[in-house]
Amino acid sequence: MPLVDRREILEALIPDGGQIQFSQEALPGGAKAIFHLVEKAGLEGMVSERTDSIYRRGPSTN
C-alpha cells in the first residue's frame, strides 16, 4: 500500500489537536534537515518515511 494511502488512513484514525500531528505536506531535504526543523519547532520527535516507500512488515531503512 503506497504511503499516500497509509497516511490517509492514519489521519482518519488520529483526532486533530492531539499530541500526534501530521505535516501538511512532505518536508524538503534529508533526515538531518528535517530533524533540525523538528528540533527548532520544539517538537518531541518525528516519524518519517520516503514518499516512494512501499509498506513492508518489520523494521526498514525507509
N, C-alpha and C. Protein backbone atom coordinates (compact mmCIF):
# COMPACT_ATOMS: atom_id res chain seq x y z
N MET A 1 0.85 -1.17 0.00
CA MET A 1 0.00 0.00 0.00
C MET A 1 0.90 1.24 0.00
N PRO A 2 0.70 2.15 -0.92
CA PRO A 2 1.54 3.35 -1.01
C PRO A 2 1.41 4.25 0.23
N LEU A 3 2.44 5.03 0.50
CA LEU A 3 2.47 5.93 1.64
C LEU A 3 1.27 6.88 1.66
N VAL A 4 0.89 7.40 0.52
CA VAL A 4 -0.24 8.34 0.45
C VAL A 4 -1.50 7.69 1.02
N ASP A 5 -1.76 6.45 0.67
CA ASP A 5 -2.94 5.73 1.17
C ASP A 5 -2.83 5.46 2.67
N ARG A 6 -1.64 5.03 3.13
CA ARG A 6 -1.44 4.77 4.55
C ARG A 6 -1.63 6.03 5.36
N ARG A 7 -1.14 7.15 4.85
CA ARG A 7 -1.26 8.43 5.55
C ARG A 7 -2.73 8.83 5.69
N GLU A 8 -3.51 8.67 4.64
CA GLU A 8 -4.95 8.99 4.69
C GLU A 8 -5.65 8.17 5.78
N ILE A 9 -5.32 6.91 5.88
CA ILE A 9 -5.93 6.03 6.89
C ILE A 9 -5.55 6.52 8.28
N LEU A 10 -4.27 6.80 8.50
CA LEU A 10 -3.82 7.27 9.81
C LEU A 10 -4.46 8.60 10.19
N GLU A 11 -4.54 9.53 9.24
CA GLU A 11 -5.15 10.82 9.52
C GLU A 11 -6.62 10.68 9.92
N ALA A 12 -7.31 9.69 9.36
CA ALA A 12 -8.71 9.47 9.71
C ALA A 12 -8.84 8.86 11.11
N LEU A 13 -7.84 8.12 11.56
CA LEU A 13 -7.88 7.46 12.86
C LEU A 13 -7.43 8.35 14.01
N ILE A 14 -6.57 9.32 13.75
CA ILE A 14 -5.98 10.14 14.80
C ILE A 14 -6.68 11.50 14.82
N PRO A 15 -7.27 11.87 15.97
CA PRO A 15 -8.02 13.13 16.04
C PRO A 15 -7.10 14.36 15.93
N ASP A 16 -7.65 15.44 15.36
CA ASP A 16 -6.92 16.70 15.27
C ASP A 16 -6.69 17.29 16.66
N GLY A 17 -5.60 18.04 16.79
CA GLY A 17 -5.33 18.76 18.02
C GLY A 17 -4.71 17.92 19.12
N GLY A 18 -4.39 16.67 18.84
CA GLY A 18 -3.79 15.80 19.85
C GLY A 18 -2.28 15.93 19.87
N GLN A 19 -1.65 14.98 20.52
CA GLN A 19 -0.20 15.00 20.63
C GLN A 19 0.48 14.59 19.33
N ILE A 20 -0.23 13.86 18.48
CA ILE A 20 0.32 13.46 17.19
C ILE A 20 -0.16 14.44 16.14
N GLN A 21 0.77 15.00 15.39
CA GLN A 21 0.44 15.97 14.36
C GLN A 21 1.04 15.52 13.04
N PHE A 22 0.31 15.76 11.96
CA PHE A 22 0.79 15.45 10.63
C PHE A 22 1.26 16.74 9.95
N SER A 23 2.35 16.66 9.23
CA SER A 23 2.74 17.81 8.42
C SER A 23 1.72 17.96 7.30
N GLN A 24 1.51 19.17 6.85
CA GLN A 24 0.53 19.40 5.80
C GLN A 24 1.03 18.92 4.44
N GLU A 25 2.32 18.85 4.29
CA GLU A 25 2.92 18.38 3.03
C GLU A 25 4.25 17.73 3.34
N ALA A 26 4.81 17.12 2.36
CA ALA A 26 6.12 16.48 2.53
C ALA A 26 7.16 17.56 2.85
N LEU A 27 8.03 17.27 3.79
CA LEU A 27 9.08 18.22 4.16
C LEU A 27 10.28 18.03 3.23
N PRO A 28 10.92 19.14 2.85
CA PRO A 28 12.05 19.04 1.93
C PRO A 28 13.33 18.60 2.65
N GLY A 29 14.23 18.01 1.90
CA GLY A 29 15.55 17.69 2.42
C GLY A 29 15.65 16.30 2.99
N GLY A 30 16.84 16.01 3.47
CA GLY A 30 17.12 14.71 4.06
C GLY A 30 16.76 14.68 5.53
N ALA A 31 17.02 13.56 6.17
CA ALA A 31 16.63 13.34 7.56
C ALA A 31 17.25 14.37 8.50
N LYS A 32 18.52 14.72 8.30
CA LYS A 32 19.17 15.70 9.19
C LYS A 32 18.48 17.05 9.11
N ALA A 33 18.15 17.48 7.91
CA ALA A 33 17.49 18.78 7.73
C ALA A 33 16.10 18.77 8.36
N ILE A 34 15.37 17.68 8.18
CA ILE A 34 14.03 17.58 8.74
C ILE A 34 14.10 17.53 10.26
N PHE A 35 15.04 16.76 10.81
CA PHE A 35 15.18 16.69 12.26
C PHE A 35 15.52 18.07 12.82
N HIS A 36 16.32 18.84 12.12
CA HIS A 36 16.64 20.20 12.55
C HIS A 36 15.36 21.04 12.64
N LEU A 37 14.48 20.93 11.66
CA LEU A 37 13.21 21.66 11.68
C LEU A 37 12.34 21.23 12.86
N VAL A 38 12.30 19.94 13.12
CA VAL A 38 11.52 19.40 14.23
C VAL A 38 12.06 19.92 15.56
N GLU A 39 13.37 19.89 15.70
CA GLU A 39 14.02 20.37 16.92
C GLU A 39 13.79 21.88 17.11
N LYS A 40 13.92 22.63 16.03
CA LYS A 40 13.72 24.08 16.07
C LYS A 40 12.29 24.44 16.48
N ALA A 41 11.32 23.61 16.06
CA ALA A 41 9.92 23.84 16.40
C ALA A 41 9.59 23.40 17.83
N GLY A 42 10.56 22.77 18.51
CA GLY A 42 10.35 22.34 19.88
C GLY A 42 9.51 21.08 20.02
N LEU A 43 9.45 20.29 18.96
CA LEU A 43 8.66 19.06 18.99
C LEU A 43 9.47 17.94 19.63
N GLU A 44 8.79 16.95 20.15
CA GLU A 44 9.45 15.87 20.87
C GLU A 44 10.15 14.87 19.96
N GLY A 45 9.60 14.63 18.79
CA GLY A 45 10.19 13.65 17.90
C GLY A 45 9.44 13.61 16.59
N MET A 46 9.82 12.65 15.75
CA MET A 46 9.17 12.53 14.46
C MET A 46 9.20 11.08 13.99
N VAL A 47 8.28 10.79 13.10
CA VAL A 47 8.27 9.52 12.37
C VAL A 47 8.18 9.92 10.92
N SER A 48 9.04 9.37 10.10
CA SER A 48 9.02 9.76 8.70
C SER A 48 9.26 8.56 7.80
N GLU A 49 8.83 8.71 6.56
CA GLU A 49 9.04 7.70 5.53
C GLU A 49 9.31 8.40 4.21
N ARG A 50 9.98 7.72 3.35
CA ARG A 50 10.15 8.25 1.99
C ARG A 50 8.81 8.19 1.27
N THR A 51 8.54 9.20 0.45
CA THR A 51 7.24 9.23 -0.23
C THR A 51 7.06 8.08 -1.21
N ASP A 52 8.15 7.49 -1.68
CA ASP A 52 8.04 6.39 -2.63
C ASP A 52 8.13 5.02 -1.95
N SER A 53 8.08 5.01 -0.59
CA SER A 53 8.21 3.74 0.11
C SER A 53 6.95 2.90 -0.02
N ILE A 54 7.13 1.61 0.04
CA ILE A 54 6.02 0.65 -0.01
C ILE A 54 6.03 -0.09 1.32
N TYR A 55 4.84 -0.32 1.89
CA TYR A 55 4.76 -0.95 3.20
C TYR A 55 5.36 -2.35 3.18
N ARG A 56 6.20 -2.60 4.17
CA ARG A 56 6.74 -3.94 4.43
C ARG A 56 6.69 -4.15 5.92
N ARG A 57 6.29 -5.31 6.34
CA ARG A 57 6.22 -5.60 7.77
C ARG A 57 7.62 -5.64 8.35
N GLY A 58 7.78 -5.10 9.58
CA GLY A 58 9.04 -5.13 10.28
C GLY A 58 9.89 -3.90 10.02
N PRO A 59 11.06 -3.85 10.64
CA PRO A 59 11.96 -2.70 10.52
C PRO A 59 12.40 -2.49 9.06
N SER A 60 12.65 -1.22 8.75
CA SER A 60 13.07 -0.87 7.40
C SER A 60 13.94 0.38 7.45
N THR A 61 14.73 0.61 6.45
CA THR A 61 15.52 1.84 6.37
C THR A 61 14.73 2.93 5.65
N ASN A 62 13.50 2.64 5.23
CA ASN A 62 12.67 3.65 4.56
C ASN A 62 11.93 4.47 5.56
